Protein backbone atom coordinates (compact mmCIF):
# COMPACT_ATOMS: atom_id res chain seq x y z
CA MET A 1 10.48 -38.79 -37.94
CA ALA A 2 9.61 -42.14 -36.56
CA GLY A 3 11.28 -44.02 -39.41
CA HIS A 4 14.63 -42.21 -39.20
CA SER A 5 17.65 -43.24 -37.21
CA ARG A 6 18.92 -41.23 -34.28
CA TYR A 7 21.97 -40.18 -36.26
CA HIS A 8 19.83 -38.89 -39.11
CA VAL A 9 17.90 -36.66 -36.67
CA GLU A 10 21.15 -35.24 -35.31
CA ASP A 11 22.15 -34.23 -38.88
CA HIS A 12 19.18 -31.88 -39.04
CA LYS A 13 19.85 -30.11 -35.72
CA SER A 14 21.74 -26.82 -35.51
CA GLY A 15 25.37 -27.46 -36.51
CA GLY A 16 24.59 -30.84 -38.12
CA GLU A 17 25.64 -31.86 -41.60
CA ASP A 18 22.17 -31.19 -42.98
CA GLU A 19 20.76 -28.70 -40.49
CA LEU A 20 17.27 -27.39 -41.00
CA LYS A 21 16.37 -23.76 -40.31
CA LEU A 22 13.09 -22.90 -38.63
CA HIS A 23 11.74 -21.08 -41.71
CA GLU A 24 12.42 -24.20 -43.85
CA LEU A 25 9.87 -26.20 -41.86
CA GLY A 26 6.23 -26.36 -42.83
CA ALA A 27 3.84 -23.82 -41.33
CA PRO A 28 2.33 -25.07 -38.07
CA THR A 29 -1.31 -26.10 -38.10
CA SER A 30 -1.85 -25.69 -34.35
CA PRO A 31 -0.50 -23.49 -31.55
CA VAL A 32 3.20 -23.95 -30.78
CA ASP A 33 4.07 -24.45 -27.09
CA LEU A 34 7.49 -22.92 -26.29
CA ASN A 35 7.54 -24.55 -22.84
CA SER A 36 8.19 -21.19 -21.10
CA GLN A 37 11.22 -20.53 -23.35
CA ARG A 38 11.89 -17.17 -25.05
CA LEU A 39 12.15 -16.25 -28.70
CA THR A 40 15.38 -14.27 -28.79
CA ASN A 41 16.91 -11.88 -31.33
CA VAL A 42 13.49 -11.22 -32.90
CA GLY A 43 13.65 -8.59 -35.65
CA THR A 44 11.61 -5.41 -35.70
CA PRO A 45 8.08 -6.23 -36.98
CA THR A 46 6.85 -4.67 -40.22
CA ALA A 47 3.56 -6.52 -40.82
CA GLY A 48 0.57 -6.52 -38.53
CA THR A 49 0.89 -10.30 -38.01
CA ASP A 50 4.61 -10.18 -37.09
CA ALA A 51 5.65 -10.93 -33.52
CA PRO A 52 6.81 -7.72 -31.80
CA ASN A 53 10.07 -7.68 -29.87
CA LYS A 54 10.59 -5.95 -26.52
CA ASP A 55 12.20 -2.85 -28.03
CA TYR A 56 9.23 -2.42 -30.37
CA ILE A 57 6.74 -2.63 -27.49
CA ASP A 58 8.82 -0.28 -25.35
CA SER A 59 9.01 2.16 -28.23
CA LYS A 60 5.24 2.24 -28.50
CA VAL A 61 5.07 3.12 -24.85
CA GLN A 62 7.57 5.89 -25.55
CA GLY A 63 5.61 7.06 -28.60
CA LEU A 64 8.33 6.34 -31.20
CA ASP A 65 7.87 6.42 -34.99
CA TRP A 66 9.36 3.23 -36.43
CA GLN A 67 11.03 3.25 -39.85
CA ASN A 68 12.29 0.39 -42.00
CA SER A 69 15.70 -0.90 -40.99
CA VAL A 70 18.98 0.43 -42.41
CA LEU A 71 22.11 -1.52 -43.31
CA ASP A 72 24.63 0.79 -41.66
CA LYS A 73 24.85 4.18 -39.94
CA ASP A 74 28.61 4.78 -40.02
CA LEU A 75 29.20 5.45 -43.72
CA ALA A 76 29.85 9.02 -44.89
CA THR A 77 30.42 8.01 -48.55
CA PRO A 78 27.76 6.20 -50.61
CA PRO A 79 28.52 2.52 -51.39
CA GLY A 80 29.76 1.85 -54.93
CA THR A 81 27.18 -0.75 -56.01
CA PRO A 82 24.03 -0.39 -53.93
CA SER A 83 20.99 -2.59 -54.54
CA GLU A 84 17.55 -1.14 -54.96
CA GLY A 85 15.93 -0.64 -51.57
CA ASP A 86 19.24 -0.45 -49.67
CA ARG A 87 18.94 2.05 -46.82
CA TYR A 88 21.59 3.84 -44.76
CA ILE A 89 21.81 6.52 -42.09
CA VAL A 90 24.30 9.05 -43.43
CA ALA A 91 27.23 9.58 -41.03
CA THR A 92 28.75 12.95 -40.16
CA ASP A 93 30.44 14.86 -43.03
CA GLY A 94 28.66 13.03 -45.85
CA THR A 95 30.35 13.21 -49.25
CA ASP A 96 29.41 12.89 -52.94
CA ASP A 97 25.67 12.31 -53.32
CA TRP A 98 25.34 12.24 -49.53
CA ALA A 99 26.88 15.68 -48.97
CA GLY A 100 24.63 17.87 -46.83
CA HIS A 101 22.51 14.94 -45.64
CA ASP A 102 24.21 14.09 -42.32
CA GLY A 103 21.84 12.06 -40.16
CA ASP A 104 19.28 11.58 -42.97
CA ILE A 105 18.03 8.17 -44.05
CA ALA A 106 19.30 7.52 -47.62
CA GLU A 107 17.49 4.89 -49.77
CA TRP A 108 18.68 3.75 -53.24
CA ASN A 109 15.76 3.69 -55.70
CA GLY A 110 17.73 1.93 -58.43
CA ALA A 111 18.94 5.11 -60.09
CA SER A 112 19.53 7.71 -57.32
CA TRP A 113 19.36 8.30 -53.62
CA ASP A 114 16.17 9.39 -51.87
CA PHE A 115 16.60 11.13 -48.52
CA THR A 116 14.32 11.29 -45.48
CA SER A 117 15.15 13.81 -42.76
CA PRO A 118 14.37 12.27 -39.36
CA ASN A 119 11.96 13.79 -36.88
CA THR A 120 12.33 13.48 -33.15
CA GLY A 121 11.12 9.99 -32.27
CA PHE A 122 12.19 8.27 -35.53
CA ALA A 123 13.38 4.75 -34.72
CA CYS A 124 14.87 1.98 -36.80
CA MET A 125 17.10 -1.08 -36.58
CA VAL A 126 20.73 -0.87 -37.79
CA GLU A 127 21.28 -4.31 -39.26
CA ASP A 128 25.08 -4.53 -39.10
CA GLU A 129 24.87 -3.84 -35.34
CA THR A 130 21.54 -5.60 -34.66
CA LYS A 131 20.63 -2.61 -32.51
CA ASN A 132 17.70 -0.22 -32.54
CA TYR A 133 18.41 3.50 -32.76
CA VAL A 134 16.20 6.50 -32.01
CA TYR A 135 16.59 10.07 -33.28
CA ASN A 136 16.43 12.38 -30.23
CA GLY A 137 16.16 15.61 -32.20
CA SER A 138 19.85 16.13 -32.80
CA ALA A 139 21.48 12.68 -33.12
CA TRP A 140 20.77 8.97 -33.50
CA VAL A 141 21.19 7.21 -30.15
CA THR A 142 20.74 3.61 -29.09
CA PHE A 143 17.23 2.84 -28.01
CA GLY A 144 18.25 1.86 -24.47
CA SER A 145 19.64 5.32 -23.83
CA THR A 146 16.31 6.97 -24.64
CA VAL A 147 14.68 5.43 -21.61
CA ASP A 148 17.50 6.67 -19.39
CA HIS A 149 16.18 9.23 -16.91
CA GLY A 150 18.36 11.96 -18.38
CA ASN A 151 16.74 11.58 -21.80
CA LEU A 152 13.15 11.78 -20.57
CA THR A 153 11.12 14.79 -21.62
CA GLY A 154 9.33 17.19 -19.32
CA LEU A 155 11.92 16.99 -16.55
CA GLY A 156 11.99 20.79 -16.33
CA ASP A 157 8.25 21.04 -15.72
CA ASP A 158 7.42 22.07 -12.17
CA ASP A 159 4.39 19.79 -11.97
CA HIS A 160 5.61 16.97 -9.75
CA ALA A 161 5.09 18.22 -6.21
CA GLN A 162 6.13 14.86 -4.76
CA TYR A 163 9.73 15.48 -5.86
CA VAL A 164 12.26 17.54 -3.93
CA ARG A 165 13.95 20.16 -6.12
CA ALA A 166 17.75 19.99 -6.14
CA ASP A 167 18.01 23.79 -5.99
CA GLY A 168 16.17 23.85 -2.65
CA THR A 169 13.25 25.94 -3.89
CA ARG A 170 10.61 23.40 -2.82
CA ALA A 171 10.33 23.02 0.96
CA PHE A 172 9.38 19.83 2.75
CA THR A 173 5.77 19.71 3.89
CA GLY A 174 6.25 17.19 6.69
CA ASP A 175 8.78 15.66 9.06
CA GLN A 176 11.63 13.77 7.39
CA ALA A 177 12.88 10.56 9.03
CA MET A 178 16.60 10.02 8.44
CA GLY A 179 16.43 6.32 9.33
CA GLY A 180 19.53 6.55 11.51
CA ASN A 181 21.54 8.26 8.74
CA LYS A 182 23.46 11.52 9.01
CA LEU A 183 23.12 14.87 7.31
CA THR A 184 26.65 15.57 6.10
CA GLY A 185 28.35 18.56 4.51
CA LEU A 186 26.20 21.16 6.31
CA GLY A 187 27.00 24.82 5.85
CA ALA A 188 27.42 27.11 8.83
CA PRO A 189 23.95 27.98 10.20
CA THR A 190 22.83 31.60 9.96
CA GLY A 191 19.12 31.41 10.84
CA ALA A 192 17.44 30.26 14.05
CA GLY A 193 15.92 27.25 12.28
CA ASP A 194 19.15 26.08 10.61
CA ALA A 195 20.64 22.70 11.53
CA ALA A 196 23.67 23.00 13.82
CA ARG A 197 26.97 21.40 12.85
CA LYS A 198 28.88 19.08 15.17
CA ASP A 199 32.01 21.26 15.20
CA GLU A 200 30.01 24.26 16.37
CA VAL A 201 28.22 22.31 19.07
CA ASP A 202 31.51 20.81 20.25
CA THR A 203 33.20 24.22 20.43
CA CYS A 204 30.46 25.53 22.68
CA GLU A 205 31.52 22.81 25.13
CA LYS A 206 27.90 22.34 26.01
CA THR A 207 27.99 25.32 28.39
CA ALA A 208 26.45 28.33 26.57
CA GLN A 209 28.16 30.38 29.27
CA LYS A 210 27.35 34.06 29.41
CA GLY A 211 30.14 36.61 29.29
CA ALA A 212 30.73 40.29 29.68
CA ALA A 213 30.57 42.39 26.52
CA ASN A 214 27.70 40.65 24.72
CA GLY A 215 26.11 38.73 27.55
CA TYR A 216 27.72 35.43 26.57
CA MET A 217 31.13 33.90 27.20
CA GLY A 218 33.60 35.29 24.63
CA LEU A 219 34.88 32.93 21.91
CA ASP A 220 38.34 33.04 20.37
CA GLY A 221 39.17 32.81 16.64
CA ALA A 222 38.77 29.04 16.73
CA GLN A 223 35.29 29.49 18.24
CA ARG A 224 36.46 28.04 21.54
CA GLY A 225 35.80 29.63 24.90
CA SER A 226 38.45 32.30 25.46
CA GLN A 227 37.92 31.84 29.19
CA SER A 228 37.54 28.20 30.12
CA PRO A 229 35.00 27.65 32.92
CA LYS A 230 36.87 24.48 33.86
CA LEU A 231 40.11 26.39 34.55
CA HIS A 232 38.87 29.36 36.59
CA GLY A 233 35.33 28.28 37.46
CA PRO A 234 36.18 28.35 41.22
CA ASP A 235 36.89 32.10 40.92
CA HIS A 236 33.23 32.66 40.06
CA LYS A 237 31.86 30.58 42.92
CA SER A 238 30.66 32.10 46.16
CA GLY A 239 33.67 33.47 48.03
CA GLY A 240 35.89 33.42 44.91
CA SER A 241 37.95 36.32 43.64
CA ASP A 242 35.40 37.05 40.92
CA ALA A 243 32.20 35.64 42.39
CA ILE A 244 29.11 35.95 40.18
CA LYS A 245 25.80 36.65 41.86
CA LEU A 246 22.64 34.95 40.64
CA ASN A 247 21.01 38.31 39.83
CA GLU A 248 23.89 39.13 37.43
CA PHE A 249 22.84 36.43 34.97
CA ALA A 250 20.37 37.21 32.22
CA ALA A 251 16.78 36.15 32.84
CA PRO A 252 16.18 32.51 31.81
CA ASP A 253 14.11 31.71 28.72
CA GLY A 254 12.79 28.44 30.15
CA ALA A 255 12.19 26.50 33.34
CA VAL A 256 15.12 26.33 35.78
CA SER A 257 15.66 23.01 37.57
CA PHE A 258 17.03 23.13 41.13
CA ASN A 259 17.72 19.37 40.96
CA ALA A 260 15.70 18.80 44.15
CA GLN A 261 17.78 21.43 46.00
CA GLN A 262 16.28 24.18 48.17
CA ALA A 263 16.14 27.90 47.43
CA LYS A 264 17.07 29.47 50.77
CA GLY A 265 17.13 32.98 52.23
CA LEU A 266 14.18 34.31 50.21
CA ALA A 267 12.91 37.80 50.96
CA ALA A 268 9.20 38.35 51.48
CA PRO A 269 7.47 38.44 48.07
CA THR A 270 6.03 41.74 46.93
CA GLU A 271 5.09 41.05 43.30
CA ALA A 272 2.69 38.50 41.82
CA GLY A 273 5.58 36.62 40.16
CA ASP A 274 7.78 36.47 43.30
CA ALA A 275 8.55 33.06 44.80
CA ALA A 276 6.59 32.39 48.00
CA ARG A 277 8.35 31.56 51.30
CA LYS A 278 7.53 28.46 53.31
CA ASP A 279 6.63 30.42 56.44
CA GLU A 280 4.03 32.42 54.53
CA VAL A 281 2.56 29.37 52.84
CA ASP A 282 2.42 27.50 56.14
CA ALA A 283 0.83 30.52 57.87
CA CYS A 284 -1.92 30.56 55.28
CA GLU A 285 -2.49 26.84 55.84
CA LYS A 286 -1.45 26.08 52.25
CA THR A 287 -3.95 28.52 50.81
CA ALA A 288 -1.86 31.70 50.39
CA GLN A 289 -5.09 33.62 50.80
CA LYS A 290 -4.85 37.38 50.82
CA GLY A 291 -6.99 39.88 52.77
CA ALA A 292 -10.45 41.09 52.03
CA ALA A 293 -9.23 44.24 50.31
CA SER A 294 -7.80 42.22 47.41
CA GLY A 295 -10.84 40.01 46.98
CA TYR A 296 -9.75 37.09 49.17
CA PRO A 297 -11.25 35.98 52.54
CA SER A 298 -9.82 38.07 55.40
CA LEU A 299 -7.33 36.56 57.88
CA ASP A 300 -7.21 37.07 61.63
CA SER A 301 -4.11 38.01 63.67
CA ASN A 302 -2.99 34.39 63.61
CA GLN A 303 -3.25 34.28 59.81
CA LYS A 304 -6.30 32.01 60.04
CA VAL A 305 -9.14 32.34 57.55
CA VAL A 306 -11.99 34.21 59.23
CA GLN A 307 -14.55 32.89 56.79
CA PRO A 308 -13.87 29.24 56.01
CA ILE A 309 -13.82 28.39 52.33
CA LYS A 310 -15.37 25.41 50.64
CA GLN A 311 -13.53 22.19 49.94
CA VAL A 312 -10.46 22.74 47.75
CA GLN A 313 -10.60 21.11 44.31
CA VAL A 314 -7.58 19.91 42.32
CA VAL A 315 -7.71 20.42 38.55
CA SER A 316 -5.06 19.29 36.03
CA GLY A 317 -4.68 20.71 32.54
CA ALA A 318 -2.79 23.06 30.25
CA ALA A 319 -5.46 25.79 30.40
CA GLU A 320 -6.22 27.80 33.55
CA PRO A 321 -9.67 26.90 34.88
CA ALA A 322 -12.34 29.48 35.71
CA VAL A 323 -13.01 29.19 39.45
CA ALA A 324 -16.41 30.07 40.88
CA ALA A 325 -16.65 33.07 43.20
CA GLY A 326 -15.60 32.25 46.76
CA GLU A 327 -14.13 28.85 45.85
CA VAL A 328 -10.51 27.69 45.93
CA THR A 329 -8.88 25.38 43.39
CA ILE A 330 -5.38 23.95 43.09
CA TRP A 331 -4.47 23.98 39.40
CA VAL A 332 -1.78 21.57 38.17
CA ASP A 333 -0.45 23.37 35.07
CA THR A 334 0.62 20.45 32.85
CA SER A 335 2.13 22.75 30.21
CA LEU A 336 4.72 24.19 32.64
CA THR A 337 4.60 21.52 35.37
CA LYS A 338 3.68 24.13 37.99
CA TYR A 339 1.14 24.26 40.81
CA TRP A 340 -1.13 27.24 41.38
CA LEU A 341 -3.51 28.09 44.21
CA ILE A 342 -6.49 29.93 42.70
CA TYR A 343 -9.26 31.86 44.47
CA GLY A 344 -12.29 32.72 42.33
CA THR A 345 -13.92 36.13 42.52
CA ASP A 346 -16.48 36.10 39.72
CA GLY A 347 -16.39 32.67 38.00
CA THR A 348 -14.16 33.78 35.10
CA VAL A 349 -10.49 33.20 34.36
CA GLY A 350 -9.94 36.96 34.40
CA GLY A 351 -11.35 37.11 37.90
CA ASN A 352 -9.01 34.41 39.25
CA LYS A 353 -6.59 35.40 41.99
CA LYS A 354 -3.70 32.94 42.00
CA VAL A 355 -0.30 32.35 43.53
CA GLU A 356 2.29 29.77 42.53
CA LEU A 357 2.97 27.05 45.07
CA ALA A 358 6.67 26.41 45.70
């Protein structure tokens, strides 16, 4: 257009007095560079050499069956003067020649209407809306809705083990990190492994106090302590009107911390699990060795070992070591954070004679 004025060029642009449409230009003889621009509003391709649009490509991924476009999908009555080849999707409650063909594709052959009943996956463009529709088995829906998660097929198949089932029938197989978020709306726990709710933990007032009838402190209707330890706790202390003795509590289910305080006034131990007294441990020179009758070196009248033992070894670990016959080992039990004095009788764990060091 080298010989034309600037104003003449403007006449041929979109909106000009003599605008030229793209299809009115000559066919290109070399590749056309779109300079990273898009071709928009591209129609559905029908020939193998047509450019496909995004909906067409997406439909192939979805496995759709494309049909020729229709003019309209909202007519229930046939048009008065159709042209040969005109196609429509019959709306609900079709009348006249379209009666009984709701949802079918009607095509005028020049003398009468031919009907095609859609199968699931039929797809076509509705020209008056410039939208693509897909038949989902019961109705024509816009193509975009078919790729919505709710319209996907196979969602009821139980073949995706990586998904958690909403009905709770698939358990987690590993720890779940909440990322600092809360679990809200919890039901009241009934099993030992159920998550506790804040209101229930708060009502226990962090005491888990034991009571009379069932071994725990009674709770009122609001699940609060019916007898507040803060109000009459002094009554239960030593010298109080209702003093509780240590032996009246249920046996603990875990380690009891004395917070670096002493346990005083202990009676002489008689059972293997009894706490040792300092005078007895000191008398045995930190060995707590028993007499010859029980498999330990005998002691003289001053509680001294008659037959000296070998050097004492210190072993740390969660498992009790097997101590050789006649040898003494101090075992640091890392699983319970306890210290044991062990005398070996036959080199096996079963033959160990041990006492806990206070």
